[in-house]
Amino acid sequence: MAEHGFNKNLNLKSFDVPIPDTISYNPPDYLDLHYDGTQAVLNDIAQMKFYVDPKSGHIKMPNSLDKMEVYSRTGRTSSASGIAFNP
């Protein structure tokens, strides 16, 4: 309700933002991982296309990312998001 009042008082117009079919992740140049395995995972993710639900705008996780396992010095780790590390 506050948003509606804010928009009305300032005469702001609302509009629909188009939802893309897919998006991709472009890692920033400063992101450089020290281990070959984690760098390979980052490279794989940068090559993936993430599909977007046309109704909600939520990103659908690729099956390949969901099944990905990453090994760290403390052992194998994985999660619902696909990648997690043990501290």
Protein backbone atom coordinates (compact mmCIF):
# COMPACT_ATOMS: atom_id res chain seq x y z
CA MET A 1 0.00 0.00 0.00
CA ALA A 2 2.81 2.40 0.78
CA GLU A 3 4.29 1.80 -2.66
CA HIS A 4 0.97 2.60 -4.32
CA GLY A 5 0.67 5.87 -2.39
CA PHE A 6 4.28 6.74 -3.14
CA ASN A 7 3.78 6.15 -6.88
CA LYS A 8 0.51 8.10 -6.92
CA ASN A 9 1.86 11.12 -5.03
CA LEU A 10 4.93 11.37 -7.25
CA ASN A 11 2.97 10.62 -10.45
CA LEU A 12 5.23 7.68 -11.22
CA LYS A 13 4.13 5.39 -14.00
CA SER A 14 4.41 1.65 -13.67
CA PHE A 15 5.23 -0.60 -16.58
CA ASP A 16 5.82 -4.26 -17.22
CA VAL A 17 9.41 -5.36 -17.45
CA PRO A 18 9.86 -8.02 -20.12
CA ILE A 19 11.04 -11.38 -18.79
CA PRO A 20 13.81 -12.95 -20.90
CA ASP A 21 13.66 -16.61 -21.94
CA THR A 22 17.21 -17.25 -20.72
CA ILE A 23 19.99 -15.48 -18.86
CA SER A 24 23.66 -16.25 -18.39
CA TYR A 25 26.21 -15.49 -15.70
CA ASN A 26 29.23 -13.45 -16.69
CA PRO A 27 31.76 -13.60 -13.85
CA PRO A 28 33.52 -10.32 -13.14
CA ASP A 29 37.11 -10.03 -14.34
CA TYR A 30 38.47 -9.78 -10.81
CA LEU A 31 37.03 -13.18 -9.84
CA ASP A 32 39.89 -15.65 -10.10
CA LEU A 33 39.72 -18.90 -8.18
CA HIS A 34 42.96 -20.47 -6.95
CA TYR A 35 42.06 -24.12 -7.43
CA ASP A 36 41.66 -25.71 -10.84
CA GLY A 37 38.51 -27.58 -9.82
CA THR A 38 36.64 -24.52 -8.59
CA GLN A 39 37.85 -22.47 -11.58
CA ALA A 40 36.51 -25.21 -13.87
CA VAL A 41 33.13 -25.05 -12.11
CA LEU A 42 33.04 -21.28 -12.58
CA ASN A 43 33.92 -21.68 -16.26
CA ASP A 44 31.16 -24.28 -16.69
CA ILE A 45 28.61 -21.99 -15.04
CA ALA A 46 29.65 -19.12 -17.30
CA GLN A 47 28.86 -21.32 -20.33
CA MET A 48 25.40 -22.37 -19.08
CA LYS A 49 22.08 -20.87 -20.08
CA PHE A 50 19.65 -20.41 -17.23
CA TYR A 51 16.00 -20.62 -18.27
CA VAL A 52 13.54 -18.19 -16.74
CA ASP A 53 9.97 -19.05 -15.78
CA PRO A 54 7.85 -16.77 -17.99
CA LYS A 55 5.14 -16.27 -15.36
CA SER A 56 7.16 -15.70 -12.20
CA GLY A 57 10.53 -14.55 -13.55
CA HIS A 58 12.29 -17.12 -11.35
CA ILE A 59 15.42 -18.73 -12.70
CA LYS A 60 15.28 -22.49 -13.24
CA MET A 61 18.44 -24.28 -12.18
CA PRO A 62 19.95 -26.39 -14.97
CA ASN A 63 19.97 -30.12 -14.22
CA SER A 64 23.70 -30.23 -14.85
CA LEU A 65 24.31 -27.71 -12.08
CA ASP A 66 22.00 -29.49 -9.66
CA LYS A 67 23.98 -32.72 -10.10
CA MET A 68 27.40 -31.07 -9.89
CA GLU A 69 29.61 -32.08 -6.99
CA VAL A 70 32.59 -30.08 -5.85
CA TYR A 71 35.43 -31.50 -3.79
CA SER A 72 37.22 -29.29 -1.30
CA ARG A 73 40.07 -29.93 1.09
CA THR A 74 37.54 -30.91 3.75
CA GLY A 75 35.72 -33.41 1.51
CA ARG A 76 32.87 -33.65 -0.97
CA THR A 77 30.22 -30.97 -0.69
CA SER A 78 27.01 -30.27 -2.54
CA SER A 79 23.68 -28.63 -1.85
CA ALA A 80 20.29 -27.89 -3.38
CA SER A 81 21.85 -24.89 -5.08
CA GLY A 82 24.44 -27.16 -6.66
CA ILE A 83 27.58 -25.85 -5.01
CA ALA A 84 28.53 -25.31 -1.38
CA PHE A 85 31.75 -25.48 0.53
CA ASN A 86 32.41 -26.63 4.05
CA PRO A 87 34.17 -24.00 6.12
